[in-house]
Protein backbone atom coordinates (compact mmCIF):
# COMPACT_ATOMS: atom_id res chain seq x y z
CA UNK A 1 0.00 0.00 0.00
CA UNK A 2 1.57 3.30 -1.06
CA UNK A 3 0.29 5.52 1.79
CA UNK A 4 -0.67 3.39 4.79
CA UNK A 5 -0.84 6.31 7.21
CA UNK A 6 -3.29 8.16 5.00
CA UNK A 7 -5.35 4.98 4.48
CA UNK A 8 -5.66 4.48 8.24
CA UNK A 9 -6.96 8.02 8.67
CA UNK A 10 -9.43 7.74 5.78
CA UNK A 11 -10.79 4.33 6.79
CA UNK A 12 -10.97 5.37 10.43
CA UNK A 13 -13.02 8.42 9.44
CA UNK A 14 -15.28 6.24 7.28
CA UNK A 15 -15.97 3.89 10.17
CA UNK A 16 -16.44 6.65 12.73
CA UNK A 17 -18.73 8.81 10.59
CA UNK A 18 -20.65 5.85 9.21
CA UNK A 19 -21.14 4.27 12.62
CA UNK A 20 -22.21 7.49 14.29
CA UNK A 21 -24.65 8.32 11.50
CA UNK A 22 -26.34 4.95 11.86
CA UNK A 23 -26.27 5.10 15.66
CA UNK A 24 -27.90 8.51 15.86
CA UNK A 25 -30.03 8.25 12.74
CA UNK A 26 -28.61 11.27 10.99
CA UNK A 27 -27.78 11.05 7.27
CA UNK A 28 -28.08 7.26 7.45
CA UNK A 29 -27.90 6.74 3.69
CA UNK A 30 -24.51 8.45 3.48
CA UNK A 31 -23.22 6.72 6.61
CA UNK A 32 -24.35 3.29 5.48
CA UNK A 33 -22.64 3.73 2.10
CA UNK A 34 -19.41 4.64 3.90
CA UNK A 35 -19.69 1.42 5.90
CA UNK A 36 -20.49 -0.68 2.82
CA UNK A 37 -17.50 0.71 0.93
CA UNK A 38 -15.15 0.03 3.82
CA UNK A 39 -16.48 -3.47 4.49
CA UNK A 40 -16.41 -4.62 0.87
CA UNK A 41 -12.95 -3.18 0.26
CA UNK A 42 -11.66 -4.86 3.41
CA UNK A 43 -13.27 -8.16 2.53
CA UNK A 44 -11.78 -8.37 -0.95
CA UNK A 45 -8.41 -6.71 -0.30
CA UNK A 46 -7.50 -7.99 3.18
CA UNK A 47 -9.35 -11.25 3.81
CA UNK A 48 -8.26 -13.08 0.66
CA UNK A 49 -9.01 -16.59 1.93
CA UNK A 50 -8.52 -18.06 -1.55
CA UNK A 51 -4.78 -17.36 -1.32
CA UNK A 52 -4.29 -19.34 1.91
CA UNK A 53 -4.38 -23.00 2.83
CA UNK A 54 -5.52 -24.97 5.84
CA UNK A 55 -6.47 -23.31 9.11
CA UNK A 56 -5.48 -19.81 7.96
CA UNK A 57 -7.83 -20.10 4.96
CA UNK A 58 -10.69 -20.95 7.31
CA UNK A 59 -9.91 -17.98 9.55
CA UNK A 60 -9.74 -15.60 6.58
CA UNK A 61 -12.97 -17.03 5.13
CA UNK A 62 -14.78 -16.42 8.42
CA UNK A 63 -13.57 -12.80 8.45
CA UNK A 64 -14.50 -12.39 4.78
CA UNK A 65 -18.02 -13.71 5.37
CA UNK A 66 -18.41 -11.50 8.45
CA UNK A 67 -17.56 -8.41 6.42
CA UNK A 68 -19.96 -9.41 3.63
CA UNK A 69 -22.76 -9.98 6.17
CA UNK A 70 -22.13 -6.61 7.83
CA UNK A 71 -22.11 -4.92 4.41
CA UNK A 72 -25.50 -6.51 3.77
CA UNK A 73 -26.78 -5.15 7.08
CA UNK A 74 -25.53 -1.69 6.14
CA UNK A 75 -27.39 -1.98 2.83
CA UNK A 76 -30.58 -2.64 4.81
CA UNK A 77 -30.03 0.67 6.60
CA UNK A 78 -29.45 2.33 3.23
CA UNK A 79 -32.69 0.92 1.80
CA UNK A 80 -34.99 1.55 4.76
CA UNK A 81 -33.42 4.77 6.06
CA UNK A 82 -33.97 6.07 9.56
CA UNK A 83 -36.40 4.92 12.21
CA UNK A 84 -39.08 6.95 13.98
CA UNK A 85 -36.79 7.96 16.88
CA UNK A 86 -33.87 9.14 14.78
CA UNK A 87 -32.43 12.67 14.82
CA UNK A 88 -33.72 13.29 11.29
CA UNK A 89 -37.30 12.46 12.27
CA UNK A 90 -37.20 14.08 15.71
CA UNK A 91 -38.60 17.41 14.51
CA UNK A 92 -41.49 15.93 12.52
């Protein structure tokens, strides 16, 4: 990776902003997309289970599947949006 320090800052901001937006129900569509992008990139770039053998392949596959499942959950937030007690709907 050419700029690991920069990547840590960018991905940390993606996780923080995405997580807080979902937690508080503010701009959930943007936050959930940030989470999906991070999770899919991590799954396919870091947890490459197809390049390992034996026990390590199983560990990487479990992490890969976890990231894919969490990305799917974030897509549910993207599709349905915020709930009735979110910050965005508080004033309505």
